[in-house]
Amino acid sequence: MNKYAGDTIKRWIAPAGAALAIGLVPLRSGAAATGNWPMWRADAARSGAVSESLPKDLRLQWVREYPPPKDAWPDDASLPSPATNAYMVRLIFAEPDQIKAGERVFDVTLQGKPAIEKLDIVAAAGAPLTVLTREFRNIRPGAALTVELTPVKGEPVLCGLEFIAEPVR
């Protein structure tokens, strides 16, 4: 608990018998309240209809010309290229079922190379429904990132994947 919580409450409670003045503006409704608003001057009831008709000689008064649209992500050499940059890949696991250690075991391969052998999420995390993360740095994916999960016992599970560009050195 915040040690200042009681002090904060005491500061905001007015002593008994104290008057508290708040600036309030009375609100009016009806024709008198909206009569001076230009958009409702002819229709204070806000019905959406007026008795006036449109003039016969309508003409274009003005035109707003917008600049041509620009690409949100310009094709610029300063942007990182997935084919040449190094990335940090974070794999996120969690055992979704109430099972015991050893009931779900699998291997993880990243870019065709063994990354984790015989991963048992429950044993590594300590309990089911507990998050387990593993990070791999300096991964160069080329045209695609490949993550393979090969079952040893049970079905493999992967809950999330983060793919973050590492700073260029």
Protein backbone atom coordinates (compact mmCIF):
# COMPACT_ATOMS: atom_id res chain seq x y z
CA MET A 1 0.00 0.00 0.00
CA ASN A 2 1.18 3.51 -0.74
CA LYS A 3 2.44 5.18 2.44
CA TYR A 4 1.11 8.52 1.17
CA ALA A 5 -2.38 7.27 0.36
CA GLY A 6 -3.87 8.49 3.67
CA ASP A 7 -2.26 11.93 3.26
CA THR A 8 -3.65 12.25 -0.25
CA ILE A 9 -7.16 11.43 0.92
CA LYS A 10 -6.93 13.89 3.82
CA ARG A 11 -5.88 16.70 1.48
CA TRP A 12 -8.94 16.24 -0.71
CA ILE A 13 -11.57 15.95 2.03
CA ALA A 14 -12.88 19.37 3.04
CA PRO A 15 -13.42 20.07 6.75
CA ALA A 16 -16.97 19.81 8.02
CA GLY A 17 -19.05 22.89 7.23
CA ALA A 18 -16.70 24.11 4.49
CA ALA A 19 -18.27 25.34 1.27
CA LEU A 20 -17.01 24.12 -2.06
CA ALA A 21 -17.60 26.39 -5.05
CA ILE A 22 -17.43 24.94 -8.54
CA GLY A 23 -18.10 27.08 -11.61
CA LEU A 24 -21.26 25.72 -13.23
CA VAL A 25 -22.91 27.11 -16.32
CA PRO A 26 -26.66 26.54 -16.57
CA LEU A 27 -27.64 24.73 -19.75
CA ARG A 28 -30.78 25.68 -21.61
CA SER A 29 -32.68 23.63 -24.14
CA GLY A 30 -35.25 24.35 -26.79
CA ALA A 31 -35.60 27.09 -29.39
CA ALA A 32 -34.23 29.86 -27.17
CA ALA A 33 -31.03 27.90 -26.46
CA THR A 34 -30.31 27.10 -30.11
CA GLY A 35 -31.76 30.18 -31.74
CA ASN A 36 -28.41 31.95 -32.02
CA TRP A 37 -26.48 29.01 -33.44
CA PRO A 38 -26.02 29.58 -37.19
CA MET A 39 -26.49 25.95 -38.13
CA TRP A 40 -29.80 25.72 -36.23
CA ARG A 41 -31.05 29.27 -36.78
CA ALA A 42 -33.69 28.17 -39.29
CA ASP A 43 -34.37 24.82 -37.62
CA ALA A 44 -34.26 25.17 -33.83
CA ALA A 45 -36.22 21.93 -33.46
CA ARG A 46 -33.38 20.17 -35.30
CA SER A 47 -35.80 18.37 -37.59
CA GLY A 48 -33.40 18.32 -40.53
CA ALA A 49 -35.87 20.09 -42.84
CA VAL A 50 -36.26 23.75 -43.76
CA SER A 51 -38.89 25.60 -45.73
CA GLU A 52 -36.37 27.25 -48.08
CA SER A 53 -35.54 25.74 -51.46
CA LEU A 54 -32.20 25.61 -53.25
CA PRO A 55 -31.40 28.35 -55.78
CA LYS A 56 -31.73 27.34 -59.45
CA ASP A 57 -28.29 28.63 -60.48
CA LEU A 58 -25.98 26.52 -58.32
CA ARG A 59 -22.31 26.84 -59.22
CA LEU A 60 -19.00 25.55 -57.92
CA GLN A 61 -17.61 27.98 -55.36
CA TRP A 62 -14.18 26.47 -54.64
CA VAL A 63 -12.04 23.36 -55.10
CA ARG A 64 -9.51 21.89 -52.70
CA GLU A 65 -6.62 20.22 -54.48
CA TYR A 66 -4.62 17.79 -52.39
CA PRO A 67 -0.98 16.93 -53.10
CA PRO A 68 -0.37 13.52 -54.68
CA PRO A 69 -0.21 10.70 -52.12
CA LYS A 70 3.18 9.57 -50.88
CA ASP A 71 4.19 6.02 -50.02
CA ALA A 72 4.10 5.26 -46.31
CA TRP A 73 7.27 3.17 -46.62
CA PRO A 74 9.48 4.67 -49.33
CA ASP A 75 11.79 2.38 -51.25
CA ASP A 76 14.90 3.73 -49.58
CA ALA A 77 18.33 2.15 -49.23
CA SER A 78 18.52 3.40 -45.61
CA LEU A 79 15.80 0.96 -44.52
CA PRO A 80 17.09 -2.38 -43.24
CA SER A 81 17.03 -5.23 -45.70
CA PRO A 82 15.92 -8.58 -44.24
CA ALA A 83 18.26 -10.37 -46.62
CA THR A 84 21.43 -8.70 -45.30
CA ASN A 85 20.75 -7.61 -41.70
CA ALA A 86 21.14 -9.65 -38.56
CA TYR A 87 18.13 -10.23 -36.34
CA MET A 88 17.37 -11.38 -32.83
CA VAL A 89 14.73 -14.12 -32.84
CA ARG A 90 12.85 -14.68 -29.59
CA LEU A 91 10.77 -17.84 -29.33
CA ILE A 92 8.03 -17.83 -26.70
CA PHE A 93 6.69 -21.08 -25.27
CA ALA A 94 4.12 -21.98 -22.61
CA GLU A 95 2.54 -25.32 -21.82
CA PRO A 96 -1.21 -24.81 -22.36
CA ASP A 97 -2.28 -28.13 -20.80
CA GLN A 98 -2.01 -29.40 -17.24
CA ILE A 99 0.57 -32.08 -18.03
CA LYS A 100 3.68 -33.33 -16.25
CA ALA A 101 7.30 -32.91 -17.28
CA GLY A 102 8.31 -35.29 -20.05
CA GLU A 103 4.86 -35.53 -21.68
CA ARG A 104 5.61 -32.96 -24.40
CA VAL A 105 9.18 -32.91 -25.73
CA PHE A 106 10.37 -31.55 -29.09
CA ASP A 107 13.36 -30.20 -30.99
CA VAL A 108 13.58 -26.67 -32.41
CA THR A 109 15.50 -25.90 -35.60
CA LEU A 110 16.17 -22.32 -36.68
CA GLN A 111 17.32 -21.59 -40.24
CA GLY A 112 18.04 -25.31 -40.73
CA LYS A 113 20.39 -25.48 -37.71
CA PRO A 114 19.54 -27.16 -34.39
CA ALA A 115 18.63 -24.45 -31.87
CA ILE A 116 17.11 -26.41 -28.96
CA GLU A 117 17.26 -30.17 -28.49
CA LYS A 118 14.63 -32.05 -26.49
CA LEU A 119 12.78 -29.01 -25.16
CA ASP A 120 10.40 -29.90 -22.32
CA ILE A 121 8.52 -26.70 -21.51
CA VAL A 122 7.15 -27.91 -18.15
CA ALA A 123 10.60 -29.02 -16.96
CA ALA A 124 12.32 -25.83 -18.20
CA ALA A 125 9.63 -23.39 -16.98
CA GLY A 126 8.92 -25.23 -13.73
CA ALA A 127 5.15 -25.62 -14.26
CA PRO A 128 2.45 -25.66 -16.92
CA LEU A 129 0.95 -22.29 -17.97
CA THR A 130 4.31 -20.61 -17.33
CA VAL A 131 6.06 -18.58 -20.02
CA LEU A 132 9.46 -19.71 -21.27
CA THR A 133 11.51 -17.60 -23.72
CA ARG A 134 14.61 -18.41 -25.68
CA GLU A 135 16.59 -15.80 -27.66
CA PHE A 136 18.87 -16.35 -30.63
CA ARG A 137 21.09 -13.52 -31.88
CA ASN A 138 22.78 -12.75 -35.19
CA ILE A 139 20.24 -14.68 -37.26
CA ARG A 140 20.44 -13.81 -40.96
CA PRO A 141 17.20 -15.02 -42.52
CA GLY A 142 17.92 -14.28 -46.17
CA ALA A 143 14.61 -14.49 -48.06
CA ALA A 144 12.69 -16.25 -45.23
CA LEU A 145 12.88 -17.12 -41.56
CA THR A 146 12.50 -20.86 -40.98
CA VAL A 147 11.51 -22.31 -37.61
CA GLU A 148 10.90 -26.05 -37.43
CA LEU A 149 9.41 -27.90 -34.46
CA THR A 150 10.06 -31.66 -34.54
CA PRO A 151 8.16 -33.81 -32.03
CA VAL A 152 10.06 -36.24 -29.82
CA LYS A 153 7.05 -37.01 -27.59
CA GLY A 154 3.62 -35.39 -27.93
CA GLU A 155 2.81 -32.42 -30.16
CA PRO A 156 5.14 -29.38 -30.29
CA VAL A 157 3.78 -25.97 -29.26
CA LEU A 158 5.04 -22.44 -30.00
CA CYS A 159 3.12 -19.52 -28.48
CA GLY A 160 4.93 -16.56 -29.99
CA LEU A 161 7.82 -15.34 -32.09
CA GLU A 162 9.56 -11.96 -32.08
CA PHE A 163 11.77 -10.93 -34.98
CA ILE A 164 13.81 -7.81 -34.08
CA ALA A 165 16.51 -6.15 -36.16
CA GLU A 166 19.82 -5.91 -34.34
CA PRO A 167 21.73 -2.62 -34.44
CA VAL A 168 24.00 -2.31 -37.47
CA ARG A 169 27.64 -2.41 -36.42
